[in-house]
Amino acid sequence: MSNALNDVIVISLDVRIWSGRKKLRPEDLTTSGRLPPKDLVSLGSKKIFDPKALKPFAEVKRKAETRCQVIGVRFARAFAIPKAAAKSVVEELNDLAETFKQVRETFLATYDEEIRRWKNQHPGYERLIEAELLPKALVGSKFAFGYEVFAINAVHGDDELAALMEEGGAGNLTLGLAGALYQEVASESREFVRQSLVGRHEVTQKFMRPVRAIREKLAGLSFLDPGIAPLVASIDEVLAAVPRKGKISGPSLAALRGVVTLLTDPAKMREHGKMMLDGSSQGLLGDHGPIPEEAVGAEEDALGTVGQAVQPPAPAAKPVPAPRVSAFW
């Protein structure tokens, strides 16, 4: 299992955004003889800059985190992703770094005007706002978008250290990453069920996007646990039986509901993969087609695992060379 870590790289994002807030002081509450408006103070802080002007930075940060999260799993304060997907992820992060830079330049170009507008929007509280405003250059230094890329390597050449690490459980990292993967897939699936599946008798093709995204995430990290590949094969079996055009309902929706329900439970995912590997289960679809809709209860019900054998997924893509590391600007 430790060899599986050779197929993983770790991306650590470092995205810093100025908050535009300062600690609220007692004297701030008596500046004008009345309580400041809610859009100016909240939760013990005062907003010395319009939060709306900072939203583009948060959006770029969210996109970077989402890109890593979709393909990988959280690892400490970073993301472990398949090495085979590293090149495309790093290219997207570089694009987001450039977008962040452009947003920063636009922000600084309008900084003084935004300050005037924010003060004009809150007459009587100008001193509260300007008392702790920072110079433009200093504010600019508080924004940064960067990342670092690491490889996870085993310790070689020191048998004593290796033995101590094994004794302390260092060899369980792969199992930990697999567990994190199952947990994240379950969390994403439960949210998907809550938002898109509960009470639906038919869905559009848009319904398939998150299911396929979860499938890709599992497939990309299938080397972390032998049970993931047969789980992906079972998902593929169900997806292949769903119409590619038009609305999805009846038995097809029932089969989809069943596979998504399976994905909401880490223990059941592990159990399904294990049963597929040892031959005690053959898939999610039986000889008579998709699971009947009446056999699938509410979204929290478990799905039985009986049916027809499936083919294993295609081999993983060849790992790409280690990507370059983006520098801060």
C-alpha atoms as a PDB file:
ATOM      1  CA  MET A   1       0.000   0.000   0.000  1.00  0.00           C
ATOM      2  CA  SER A   2       2.868   2.401   0.667  1.00  0.00           C
ATOM      3  CA  ASN A   3       3.741   2.316  -3.052  1.00  0.00           C
ATOM      4  CA  ALA A   4       0.402   4.014  -3.680  1.00  0.00           C
ATOM      5  CA  LEU A   5       1.862   7.219  -2.254  1.00  0.00           C
ATOM      6  CA  ASN A   6       4.154   7.383  -5.274  1.00  0.00           C
ATOM      7  CA  ASP A   7       1.036   8.262  -7.281  1.00  0.00           C
ATOM      8  CA  VAL A   8       0.095  11.165  -4.998  1.00  0.00           C
ATOM      9  CA  ILE A   9       1.282  14.754  -4.871  1.00  0.00           C
ATOM     10  CA  VAL A  10       0.298  17.323  -2.262  1.00  0.00           C
ATOM     11  CA  ILE A  11      -0.699  20.865  -3.188  1.00  0.00           C
ATOM     12  CA  SER A  12      -0.625  23.443  -0.425  1.00  0.00           C
ATOM     13  CA  LEU A  13      -2.558  26.610  -1.250  1.00  0.00           C
ATOM     14  CA  ASP A  14      -1.597  29.910   0.335  1.00  0.00           C
ATOM     15  CA  VAL A  15      -4.207  32.517  -0.560  1.00  0.00           C
ATOM     16  CA  ARG A  16      -4.232  35.630   1.597  1.00  0.00           C
ATOM     17  CA  ILE A  17      -6.966  38.272   1.488  1.00  0.00           C
ATOM     18  CA  TRP A  18      -7.224  41.514   3.442  1.00  0.00           C
ATOM     19  CA  SER A  19     -10.349  41.395   5.597  1.00  0.00           C
ATOM     20  CA  GLY A  20     -11.154  45.107   5.523  1.00  0.00           C
ATOM     21  CA  ARG A  21     -12.110  44.831   9.201  1.00  0.00           C
ATOM     22  CA  LYS A  22     -10.740  46.094  12.500  1.00  0.00           C
ATOM     23  CA  LYS A  23     -11.592  45.306  16.096  1.00  0.00           C
ATOM     24  CA  LEU A  24     -14.554  47.324  17.352  1.00  0.00           C
ATOM     25  CA  ARG A  25     -13.594  49.591  20.253  1.00  0.00           C
ATOM     26  CA  PRO A  26     -15.928  51.012  22.926  1.00  0.00           C
ATOM     27  CA  GLU A  27     -15.301  54.567  21.710  1.00  0.00           C
ATOM     28  CA  ASP A  28     -16.452  53.564  18.217  1.00  0.00           C
ATOM     29  CA  LEU A  29     -19.963  53.041  19.573  1.00  0.00           C
ATOM     30  CA  THR A  30     -20.228  56.622  20.797  1.00  0.00           C
ATOM     31  CA  THR A  31     -18.763  58.376  17.773  1.00  0.00           C
ATOM     32  CA  SER A  32     -22.102  59.821  16.670  1.00  0.00           C
ATOM     33  CA  GLY A  33     -24.177  59.283  19.792  1.00  0.00           C
ATOM     34  CA  ARG A  34     -26.108  56.391  18.236  1.00  0.00           C
ATOM     35  CA  LEU A  35     -25.445  52.774  17.372  1.00  0.00           C
ATOM     36  CA  PRO A  36     -23.656  52.271  14.025  1.00  0.00           C
ATOM     37  CA  PRO A  37     -25.646  50.543  11.265  1.00  0.00           C
ATOM     38  CA  LYS A  38     -25.411  46.751  10.951  1.00  0.00           C
ATOM     39  CA  ASP A  39     -23.555  46.903   7.648  1.00  0.00           C
ATOM     40  CA  LEU A  40     -20.771  48.859   9.371  1.00  0.00           C
ATOM     41  CA  VAL A  41     -20.286  46.855  12.585  1.00  0.00           C
ATOM     42  CA  SER A  42     -20.923  43.204  13.448  1.00  0.00           C
ATOM     43  CA  LEU A  43     -19.636  40.525  15.815  1.00  0.00           C
ATOM     44  CA  GLY A  44     -17.180  42.817  17.555  1.00  0.00           C
ATOM     45  CA  SER A  45     -15.607  44.201  14.394  1.00  0.00           C
ATOM     46  CA  LYS A  46     -16.032  47.262  12.242  1.00  0.00           C
ATOM     47  CA  LYS A  47     -15.912  47.193   8.456  1.00  0.00           C
ATOM     48  CA  ILE A  48     -13.563  49.943   7.352  1.00  0.00           C
ATOM     49  CA  PHE A  49     -13.986  48.874   3.734  1.00  0.00           C
ATOM     50  CA  ASP A  50     -16.955  47.683   1.702  1.00  0.00           C
ATOM     51  CA  PRO A  51     -17.027  43.842   1.883  1.00  0.00           C
ATOM     52  CA  LYS A  52     -18.540  43.681  -1.613  1.00  0.00           C
ATOM     53  CA  ALA A  53     -15.309  45.062  -3.070  1.00  0.00           C
ATOM     54  CA  LEU A  54     -13.417  42.085  -1.575  1.00  0.00           C
ATOM     55  CA  LYS A  55     -15.715  39.373  -2.909  1.00  0.00           C
ATOM     56  CA  PRO A  56     -13.789  38.825  -6.197  1.00  0.00           C
ATOM     57  CA  PHE A  57     -10.737  37.732  -4.183  1.00  0.00           C
ATOM     58  CA  ALA A  58     -12.807  35.257  -2.175  1.00  0.00           C
ATOM     59  CA  GLU A  59     -14.271  33.889  -5.404  1.00  0.00           C
ATOM     60  CA  VAL A  60     -10.827  33.157  -6.869  1.00  0.00           C
ATOM     61  CA  LYS A  61      -9.791  31.464  -3.608  1.00  0.00           C
ATOM     62  CA  ARG A  62     -12.978  29.379  -3.621  1.00  0.00           C
ATOM     63  CA  LYS A  63     -12.316  28.239  -7.208  1.00  0.00           C
ATOM     64  CA  ALA A  64      -8.765  27.169  -6.330  1.00  0.00           C
ATOM     65  CA  GLU A  65      -9.910  25.180  -3.309  1.00  0.00           C
ATOM     66  CA  THR A  66     -12.796  23.623  -5.236  1.00  0.00           C
ATOM     67  CA  ARG A  67     -10.501  22.533  -8.081  1.00  0.00           C
ATOM     68  CA  CYS A  68      -8.223  20.705  -5.656  1.00  0.00           C
ATOM     69  CA  GLN A  69     -11.140  19.316  -3.657  1.00  0.00           C
ATOM     70  CA  VAL A  70     -12.933  17.921  -6.716  1.00  0.00           C
ATOM     71  CA  ILE A  71      -9.957  15.837  -7.805  1.00  0.00           C
ATOM     72  CA  GLY A  72      -8.300  15.113  -4.455  1.00  0.00           C
ATOM     73  CA  VAL A  73      -8.765  14.819  -0.694  1.00  0.00           C
ATOM     74  CA  ARG A  74      -7.807  17.135   2.144  1.00  0.00           C
ATOM     75  CA  PHE A  75      -4.433  16.275   3.631  1.00  0.00           C
ATOM     76  CA  ALA A  76      -3.498  18.261   6.745  1.00  0.00           C
ATOM     77  CA  ARG A  77      -3.970  21.848   5.518  1.00  0.00           C
ATOM     78  CA  ALA A  78      -3.372  20.890   1.907  1.00  0.00           C
ATOM     79  CA  PHE A  79      -4.811  18.603  -0.777  1.00  0.00           C
ATOM     80  CA  ALA A  80      -3.567  15.176  -1.876  1.00  0.00           C
ATOM     81  CA  ILE A  81      -4.312  14.698  -5.570  1.00  0.00           C
ATOM     82  CA  PRO A  82      -3.446  12.025  -8.160  1.00  0.00           C
ATOM     83  CA  LYS A  83      -0.081  12.696  -9.775  1.00  0.00           C
ATOM     84  CA  ALA A  84      -1.663  11.868 -13.138  1.00  0.00           C
ATOM     85  CA  ALA A  85      -3.940  14.929 -12.774  1.00  0.00           C
ATOM     86  CA  ALA A  86      -1.253  17.264 -11.439  1.00  0.00           C
ATOM     87  CA  LYS A  87      -0.400  18.998 -14.709  1.00  0.00           C
ATOM     88  CA  SER A  88      -3.966  20.100 -15.433  1.00  0.00           C
ATOM     89  CA  VAL A  89      -4.562  21.194 -11.829  1.00  0.00           C
ATOM     90  CA  VAL A  90      -1.359  23.243 -11.725  1.00  0.00           C
ATOM     91  CA  GLU A  91      -2.211  24.868 -15.062  1.00  0.00           C
ATOM     92  CA  GLU A  92      -5.594  25.933 -13.667  1.00  0.00           C
ATOM     93  CA  LEU A  93      -3.987  27.244 -10.483  1.00  0.00           C
ATOM     94  CA  ASN A  94      -1.598  29.303 -12.590  1.00  0.00           C
ATOM     95  CA  ASP A  95      -4.580  30.764 -14.459  1.00  0.00           C
ATOM     96  CA  LEU A  96      -6.274  31.566 -11.147  1.00  0.00           C
ATOM     97  CA  ALA A  97      -3.060  33.178  -9.881  1.00  0.00           C
ATOM     98  CA  GLU A  98      -3.130  35.486 -12.911  1.00  0.00           C
ATOM     99  CA  THR A  99      -6.814  36.242 -12.333  1.00  0.00           C
ATOM    100  CA  PHE A 100      -6.057  37.026  -8.685  1.00  0.00           C
ATOM    101  CA  LYS A 101      -3.289  39.390  -9.775  1.00  0.00           C
ATOM    102  CA  GLN A 102      -5.632  41.234 -12.147  1.00  0.00           C
ATOM    103  CA  VAL A 103      -8.317  41.495  -9.444  1.00  0.00           C
ATOM    104  CA  ARG A 104      -5.699  42.927  -7.076  1.00  0.00           C
ATOM    105  CA  GLU A 105      -4.599  45.539  -9.600  1.00  0.00           C
ATOM    106  CA  THR A 106      -8.191  46.588 -10.250  1.00  0.00           C
ATOM    107  CA  PHE A 107      -8.884  46.740  -6.530  1.00  0.00           C
ATOM    108  CA  LEU A 108      -5.889  48.968  -5.820  1.00  0.00           C
ATOM    109  CA  ALA A 109      -6.720  51.232  -8.761  1.00  0.00           C
ATOM    110  CA  THR A 110     -10.137  51.970  -7.232  1.00  0.00           C
ATOM    111  CA  TYR A 111      -9.069  51.815  -3.558  1.00  0.00           C
ATOM    112  CA  ASP A 112      -9.292  55.553  -2.822  1.00  0.00           C
ATOM    113  CA  GLU A 113     -12.606  55.892  -4.629  1.00  0.00           C
ATOM    114  CA  GLU A 114     -14.044  52.917  -2.724  1.00  0.00           C
ATOM    115  CA  ILE A 115     -13.014  54.534   0.572  1.00  0.00           C
ATOM    116  CA  ARG A 116     -14.788  57.768  -0.353  1.00  0.00           C
ATOM    117  CA  ARG A 117     -17.889  55.868  -1.426  1.00  0.00           C
ATOM    118  CA  TRP A 118     -17.947  53.798   1.793  1.00  0.00           C
ATOM    119  CA  LYS A 119     -17.651  56.936   3.949  1.00  0.00           C
ATOM    120  CA  ASN A 120     -20.348  58.737   1.964  1.00  0.00           C
ATOM    121  CA  GLN A 121     -22.592  55.711   2.463  1.00  0.00           C
ATOM    122  CA  HIS A 122     -22.245  56.119   6.247  1.00  0.00           C
ATOM    123  CA  PRO A 123     -22.487  59.814   7.085  1.00  0.00           C
ATOM    124  CA  GLY A 124     -21.561  60.607  10.673  1.00  0.00           C
ATOM    125  CA  TYR A 125     -19.222  57.617  10.907  1.00  0.00           C
ATOM    126  CA  GLU A 126     -16.390  58.895   8.727  1.00  0.00           C
ATOM    127  CA  ARG A 127     -13.945  59.038  11.638  1.00  0.00           C
ATOM    128  CA  LEU A 128     -14.822  55.475  12.688  1.00  0.00           C
ATOM    129  CA  ILE A 129     -13.920  54.301   9.184  1.00  0.00           C
ATOM    130  CA  GLU A 130     -10.815  56.357   8.523  1.00  0.00           C
ATOM    131  CA  ALA A 131      -9.250  56.007  11.998  1.00  0.00           C
ATOM    132  CA  GLU A 132      -7.585  52.707  11.135  1.00  0.00           C
ATOM    133  CA  LEU A 133      -7.448  52.777   7.351  1.00  0.00           C
ATOM    134  CA  LEU A 134      -4.183  51.514   5.874  1.00  0.00           C
ATOM    135  CA  PRO A 135      -2.150  53.066   3.068  1.00  0.00           C
ATOM    136  CA  LYS A 136      -2.845  51.572  -0.336  1.00  0.00           C
ATOM    137  CA  ALA A 137       0.627  50.011  -0.636  1.00  0.00           C
ATOM    138  CA  LEU A 138       0.266  48.246   2.711  1.00  0.00           C
ATOM    139  CA  VAL A 139      -3.181  46.947   1.815  1.00  0.00           C
ATOM    140  CA  GLY A 140      -1.798  45.638  -1.462  1.00  0.00           C
ATOM    141  CA  SER A 141       0.840  43.615   0.404  1.00  0.00           C
ATOM    142  CA  LYS A 142      -1.905  41.774   2.290  1.00  0.00           C
ATOM    143  CA  PHE A 143      -3.144  40.024  -0.861  1.00  0.00           C
ATOM    144  CA  ALA A 144      -1.286  36.987  -2.225  1.00  0.00           C
ATOM    145  CA  PHE A 145      -2.029  33.872  -4.229  1.00  0.00           C
ATOM    146  CA  GLY A 146       0.512  31.077  -4.174  1.00  0.00           C
ATOM    147  CA  TYR A 147       0.912  27.343  -3.821  1.00  0.00           C
ATOM    148  CA  GLU A 148       3.567  24.710  -3.295  1.00  0.00           C
ATOM    149  CA  VAL A 149       3.749  21.167  -4.621  1.00  0.00           C
ATOM    150  CA  PHE A 150       5.174  18.283  -2.589  1.00  0.00           C
ATOM    151  CA  ALA A 151       5.812  14.604  -3.170  1.00  0.00           C
ATOM    152  CA  ILE A 152       5.331  12.012  -0.408  1.00  0.00           C
ATOM    153  CA  ASN A 153       8.418   9.815  -0.246  1.00  0.00           C
ATOM    154  CA  ALA A 154       9.253   6.919   2.015  1.00  0.00           C
ATOM    155  CA  VAL A 155      12.404   7.026   4.147  1.00  0.00           C
ATOM    156  CA  HIS A 156      15.185   4.958   2.592  1.00  0.00           C
ATOM    157  CA  GLY A 157      18.616   3.953   3.878  1.00  0.00           C
ATOM    158  CA  ASP A 158      17.833   4.134   7.608  1.00  0.00           C
ATOM    159  CA  ASP A 159      16.410   0.807   8.755  1.00  0.00           C
ATOM    160  CA  GLU A 160      16.205   1.886  12.398  1.00  0.00           C
ATOM    161  CA  LEU A 161      14.195   5.020  11.571  1.00  0.00           C
ATOM    162  CA  ALA A 162      11.963   3.050   9.204  1.00  0.00           C
ATOM    163  CA  ALA A 163      11.270   0.495  11.952  1.00  0.00           C
ATOM    164  CA  LEU A 164      10.377   3.232  14.437  1.00  0.00           C
ATOM    165  CA  MET A 165       8.042   4.860  11.927  1.00  0.00           C
ATOM    166  CA  GLU A 166       6.321   1.547  11.206  1.00  0.00           C
ATOM    167  CA  GLU A 167       5.926   0.943  14.935  1.00  0.00           C
ATOM    168  CA  GLY A 168       4.317   4.374  15.328  1.00  0.00           C
ATOM    169  CA  GLY A 169       1.826   3.806  12.528  1.00  0.00           C
ATOM    170  CA  ALA A 170       3.494   5.953   9.869  1.00  0.00           C
ATOM    171  CA  GLY A 171       2.640   3.277   7.312  1.00  0.00           C
ATOM    172  CA  ASN A 172      -1.061   4.007   7.752  1.00  0.00           C
ATOM    173  CA  LEU A 173      -0.961   7.219   5.715  1.00  0.00           C
ATOM    174  CA  THR A 174      -2.428   5.556   2.634  1.00  0.00           C
ATOM    175  CA  LEU A 175      -5.247   4.091   4.712  1.00  0.00           C
ATOM    176  CA  GLY A 176      -5.861   7.525   6.201  1.00  0.00           C
ATOM    177  CA  LEU A 177      -6.087   9.135   2.780  1.00  0.00           C
ATOM    178  CA  ALA A 178      -8.477   6.403   1.623  1.00  0.00           C
ATOM    179  CA  GLY A 179     -10.625   7.013   4.682  1.00  0.00           C
ATOM    180  CA  ALA A 180     -10.633  10.749   3.997  1.00  0.00           C
ATOM    181  CA  LEU A 181     -11.670  10.033   0.411  1.00  0.00           C
ATOM    182  CA  TYR A 182     -14.642   7.904   1.499  1.00  0.00           C
ATOM    183  CA  GLN A 183     -15.684  10.545   4.031  1.00  0.00           C
ATOM    184  CA  GLU A 184     -15.493  13.395   1.504  1.00  0.00           C
ATOM    185  CA  VAL A 185     -17.414  11.443  -1.134  1.00  0.00           C
ATOM    186  CA  ALA A 186     -20.085  10.629   1.451  1.00  0.00           C
ATOM    187  CA  SER A 187     -20.351  14.282   2.502  1.00  0.00           C
ATOM    188  CA  GLU A 188     -20.615  15.476  -1.095  1.00  0.00           C
ATOM    189  CA  SER A 189     -23.205  12.806  -1.867  1.00  0.00           C
ATOM    190  CA  ARG A 190     -25.346  13.636   1.167  1.00  0.00           C
ATOM    191  CA  GLU A 191     -25.362  17.307   0.218  1.00  0.00           C
ATOM    192  CA  PHE A 192     -26.262  16.369  -3.348  1.00  0.00           C
ATOM    193  CA  VAL A 193     -29.134  14.194  -2.116  1.00  0.00           C
ATOM    194  CA  ARG A 194     -30.411  16.964   0.141  1.00  0.00           C
ATOM    195  CA  GLN A 195     -30.320  19.646  -2.552  1.00  0.00           C
ATOM    196  CA  SER A 196     -31.168  17.737  -5.719  1.00  0.00           C
ATOM    197  CA  LEU A 197     -32.790  14.375  -5.054  1.00  0.00           C
ATOM    198  CA  VAL A 198     -35.228  14.492  -2.159  1.00  0.00           C
ATOM    199  CA  GLY A 199     -38.820  14.302  -3.383  1.00  0.00           C
ATOM    200  CA  ARG A 200     -37.911  14.186  -7.085  1.00  0.00           C
ATOM    201  CA  HIS A 201     -39.769  11.830  -9.428  1.00  0.00           C
ATOM    202  CA  GLU A 202     -37.740  12.885 -12.449  1.00  0.00           C
ATOM    203  CA  VAL A 203     -34.519  14.827 -13.025  1.00  0.00           C
ATOM    204  CA  THR A 204     -32.758  16.471 -15.960  1.00  0.00           C
ATOM    205  CA  GLN A 205     -29.369  15.578 -17.372  1.00  0.00           C
ATOM    206  CA  LYS A 206     -27.820  18.207 -15.049  1.00  0.00           C
ATOM    207  CA  PHE A 207     -28.374  15.700 -12.272  1.00  0.00           C
ATOM    208  CA  MET A 208     -25.629  13.552 -13.784  1.00  0.00           C
ATOM    209  CA  ARG A 209     -22.844  16.134 -13.470  1.00  0.00           C
ATOM    210  CA  PRO A 210     -22.146  15.766  -9.741  1.00  0.00           C
ATOM    211  CA  VAL A 211     -22.513  11.995  -9.971  1.00  0.00           C
ATOM    212  CA  ARG A 212     -19.894  11.874 -12.731  1.00  0.00           C
ATOM    213  CA  ALA A 213     -17.675  14.295 -10.805  1.00  0.00           C
ATOM    214  CA  ILE A 214     -17.761  12.007  -7.751  1.00  0.00           C
ATOM    215  CA  ARG A 215     -17.061   9.033  -9.996  1.00  0.00           C
ATOM    216  CA  GLU A 216     -13.996  10.816 -11.464  1.00  0.00           C
ATOM    217  CA  LYS A 217     -12.708  11.662  -8.002  1.00  0.00           C
ATOM    218  CA  LEU A 218     -12.949   8.019  -6.927  1.00  0.00           C
ATOM    219  CA  ALA A 219     -11.383   6.760 -10.151  1.00  0.00           C
ATOM    220  CA  GLY A 220      -8.470   9.181  -9.924  1.00  0.00           C
ATOM    221  CA  LEU A 221      -7.602   8.037  -6.395  1.00  0.00           C
ATOM    222  CA  SER A 222      -8.499   4.366  -6.803  1.00  0.00           C
ATOM    223  CA  PHE A 223      -4.898   3.333  -6.056  1.00  0.00           C
ATOM    224  CA  LEU A 224      -5.471   4.284  -2.390  1.00  0.00           C
ATOM    225  CA  ASP A 225      -7.711   1.264  -1.716  1.00  0.00           C
ATOM    226  CA  PRO A 226      -8.319  -1.950  -3.714  1.00  0.00           C
ATOM    227  CA  GLY A 227     -12.073  -1.662  -3.101  1.00  0.00           C
ATOM    228  CA  ILE A 228     -12.402   1.661  -4.950  1.00  0.00           C
ATOM    229  CA  ALA A 229     -11.883   0.258  -8.477  1.00  0.00           C
ATOM    230  CA  PRO A 230     -14.805  -2.218  -8.261  1.00  0.00           C
ATOM    231  CA  LEU A 231     -16.924   0.534  -6.690  1.00  0.00           C
ATOM    232  CA  VAL A 232     -16.172   2.767  -9.686  1.00  0.00           C
ATOM    233  CA  ALA A 233     -16.984  -0.118 -12.036  1.00  0.00           C
ATOM    234  CA  SER A 234     -20.382  -0.512 -10.345  1.00  0.00           C
ATOM    235  CA  ILE A 235     -21.061   3.211 -10.730  1.00  0.00           C
ATOM    236  CA  ASP A 236     -20.128   2.957 -14.411  1.00  0.00           C
ATOM    237  CA  GLU A 237     -22.540   0.062 -14.816  1.00  0.00           C
ATOM    238  CA  VAL A 238     -25.406   2.186 -13.537  1.00  0.00           C
ATOM    239  CA  LEU A 239     -24.397   5.296 -15.520  1.00  0.00           C
ATOM    240  CA  ALA A 240     -24.233   3.259 -18.726  1.00  0.00           C
ATOM    241  CA  ALA A 241     -27.876   2.224 -18.226  1.00  0.00           C
ATOM    242  CA  VAL A 242     -29.127   5.808 -17.883  1.00  0.00           C
ATOM    243  CA  PRO A 243     -30.438   7.610 -21.000  1.00  0.00           C
ATOM    244  CA  ARG A 244     -27.988  10.247 -22.290  1.00  0.00           C
ATOM    245  CA  LYS A 245     -30.752  12.591 -23.476  1.00  0.00           C
ATOM    246  CA  GLY A 246     -33.999  13.841 -22.004  1.00  0.00           C
ATOM    247  CA  LYS A 247     -35.330  13.613 -18.481  1.00  0.00           C
ATOM    248  CA  ILE A 248     -34.489  10.677 -16.236  1.00  0.00           C
ATOM    249  CA  SER A 249     -37.252   8.880 -14.346  1.00  0.00           C
ATOM    250  CA  GLY A 250     -38.637   5.458 -13.493  1.00  0.00           C
ATOM    251  CA  PRO A 251     -36.166   2.560 -13.132  1.00  0.00           C
ATOM    252  CA  SER A 252     -33.230   4.692 -14.343  1.00  0.00           C
ATOM    253  CA  LEU A 253     -33.811   7.278 -11.633  1.00  0.00           C
ATOM    254  CA  ALA A 254     -34.282   4.476  -9.116  1.00  0.00           C
ATOM    255  CA  ALA A 255     -30.891   3.008 -10.038  1.00  0.00           C
ATOM    256  CA  LEU A 256     -29.275   6.442  -9.788  1.00  0.00           C
ATOM    257  CA  ARG A 257     -30.904   7.053  -6.438  1.00  0.00           C
ATOM    258  CA  GLY A 258     -29.583   3.705  -5.296  1.00  0.00           C
ATOM    259  CA  VAL A 259     -25.983   4.349  -6.317  1.00  0.00           C
ATOM    260  CA  VAL A 260     -25.995   7.855  -4.810  1.00  0.00           C
ATOM    261  CA  THR A 261     -27.442   6.432  -1.600  1.00  0.00           C
ATOM    262  CA  LEU A 262     -24.586   3.931  -1.516  1.00  0.00           C
ATOM    263  CA  LEU A 263     -22.137   6.834  -1.901  1.00  0.00           C
ATOM    264  CA  THR A 264     -23.544   8.612   1.161  1.00  0.00           C
ATOM    265  CA  ASP A 265     -22.187   5.938   3.513  1.00  0.00           C
ATOM    266  CA  PRO A 266     -18.409   5.303   3.838  1.00  0.00           C
ATOM    267  CA  ALA A 267     -18.930   1.924   5.509  1.00  0.00           C
ATOM    268  CA  LYS A 268     -21.269   0.698   2.765  1.00  0.00           C
ATOM    269  CA  MET A 269     -18.867   1.874   0.052  1.00  0.00           C
ATOM    270  CA  ARG A 270     -16.047  -0.111   1.670  1.00  0.00           C
ATOM    271  CA  GLU A 271     -18.329  -3.129   2.128  1.00  0.00           C
ATOM    272  CA  HIS A 272     -19.486  -3.028  -1.484  1.00  0.00           C
ATOM    273  CA  GLY A 273     -15.914  -2.862  -2.796  1.00  0.00           C
ATOM    274  CA  LYS A 274     -14.852  -5.746  -0.563  1.00  0.00           C
ATOM    275  CA  MET A 275     -17.807  -7.888  -1.621  1.00  0.00           C
ATOM    276  CA  MET A 276     -17.057  -7.215  -5.281  1.00  0.00           C
ATOM    277  CA  LEU A 277     -13.429  -8.209  -4.773  1.00  0.00           C
ATOM    278  CA  ASP A 278     -14.199 -11.472  -3.006  1.00  0.00           C
ATOM    279  CA  GLY A 279     -16.994 -12.354  -5.453  1.00  0.00           C
ATOM    280  CA  SER A 280     -19.855 -12.315  -2.975  1.00  0.00           C
ATOM    281  CA  SER A 281     -21.498  -9.494  -4.960  1.00  0.00           C
ATOM    282  CA  GLN A 282     -21.477  -8.846  -8.678  1.00  0.00           C
ATOM    283  CA  GLY A 283     -22.780  -5.314  -9.129  1.00  0.00           C
ATOM    284  CA  LEU A 284     -25.628  -2.893  -8.619  1.00  0.00           C
ATOM    285  CA  LEU A 285     -27.781  -4.066 -11.541  1.00  0.00           C
ATOM    286  CA  GLY A 286     -29.318  -7.514 -11.751  1.00  0.00           C
ATOM    287  CA  ASP A 287     -30.150  -9.774 -14.657  1.00  0.00           C
ATOM    288  CA  HIS A 288     -33.526  -8.080 -14.952  1.00  0.00           C
ATOM    289  CA  GLY A 289     -32.231  -4.556 -15.458  1.00  0.00           C
ATOM    290  CA  PRO A 290     -32.081  -1.566 -13.140  1.00  0.00           C
ATOM    291  CA  ILE A 291     -33.358  -1.728  -9.583  1.00  0.00           C
ATOM    292  CA  PRO A 292     -37.142  -1.215  -9.552  1.00  0.00           C
ATOM    293  CA  GLU A 293     -38.034   2.247  -8.265  1.00  0.00           C
ATOM    294  CA  GLU A 294     -40.401   0.896  -5.645  1.00  0.00           C
ATOM    295  CA  ALA A 295     -37.510  -1.105  -4.172  1.00  0.00           C
ATOM    296  CA  VAL A 296     -35.571   2.072  -3.426  1.00  0.00           C
ATOM    297  CA  GLY A 297     -36.851   3.979  -0.402  1.00  0.00           C
ATOM    298  CA  ALA A 298     -35.959   7.413   0.862  1.00  0.00           C
ATOM    299  CA  GLU A 299     -32.494   8.778   0.238  1.00  0.00           C
ATOM    300  CA  GLU A 300     -31.160   7.429   3.534  1.00  0.00           C
ATOM    301  CA  ASP A 301     -32.041   3.756   2.784  1.00  0.00           C
ATOM    302  CA  ALA A 302     -29.208   1.377   1.996  1.00  0.00           C
ATOM    303  CA  LEU A 303     -28.857  -0.292  -1.400  1.00  0.00           C
ATOM    304  CA  GLY A 304     -28.548  -4.052  -1.792  1.00  0.00           C
ATOM    305  CA  THR A 305     -25.632  -5.381  -3.815  1.00  0.00           C
ATOM    306  CA  VAL A 306     -26.761  -8.171  -6.132  1.00  0.00           C
ATOM    307  CA  GLY A 307     -26.481  -8.486  -9.856  1.00  0.00           C
ATOM    308  CA  GLN A 308     -24.280  -9.084 -12.816  1.00  0.00           C
ATOM    309  CA  ALA A 309     -20.487  -9.041 -13.037  1.00  0.00           C
ATOM    310  CA  VAL A 310     -18.830  -5.900 -14.327  1.00  0.00           C
ATOM    311  CA  GLN A 311     -15.511  -5.223 -15.989  1.00  0.00           C
ATOM    312  CA  PRO A 312     -12.758  -3.458 -14.046  1.00  0.00           C
ATOM    313  CA  PRO A 313     -11.986   0.163 -14.979  1.00  0.00           C
ATOM    314  CA  ALA A 314      -9.258   1.093 -17.421  1.00  0.00           C
ATOM    315  CA  PRO A 315      -5.700   1.353 -16.029  1.00  0.00           C
ATOM    316  CA  ALA A 316      -4.719   4.666 -14.475  1.00  0.00           C
ATOM    317  CA  ALA A 317      -3.082   7.225 -16.717  1.00  0.00           C
ATOM    318  CA  LYS A 318       0.710   7.381 -16.755  1.00  0.00           C
ATOM    319  CA  PRO A 319       2.001   9.804 -14.093  1.00  0.00           C
ATOM    320  CA  VAL A 320       3.177  13.176 -15.375  1.00  0.00           C
ATOM    321  CA  PRO A 321       6.474  14.823 -14.399  1.00  0.00           C
ATOM    322  CA  ALA A 322       6.418  16.927 -11.240  1.00  0.00           C
ATOM    323  CA  PRO A 323       4.852  20.339 -11.995  1.00  0.00           C
ATOM    324  CA  ARG A 324       6.616  23.588 -11.359  1.00  0.00           C
ATOM    325  CA  VAL A 325       5.866  25.595  -8.243  1.00  0.00           C
ATOM    326  CA  SER A 326       4.216  28.970  -8.602  1.00  0.00           C
ATOM    327  CA  ALA A 327       6.030  31.851  -6.948  1.00  0.00           C
ATOM    328  CA  PHE A 328       4.344  34.607  -4.989  1.00  0.00           C
ATOM    329  CA  TRP A 329       4.108  37.930  -6.685  1.00  0.00           C
END
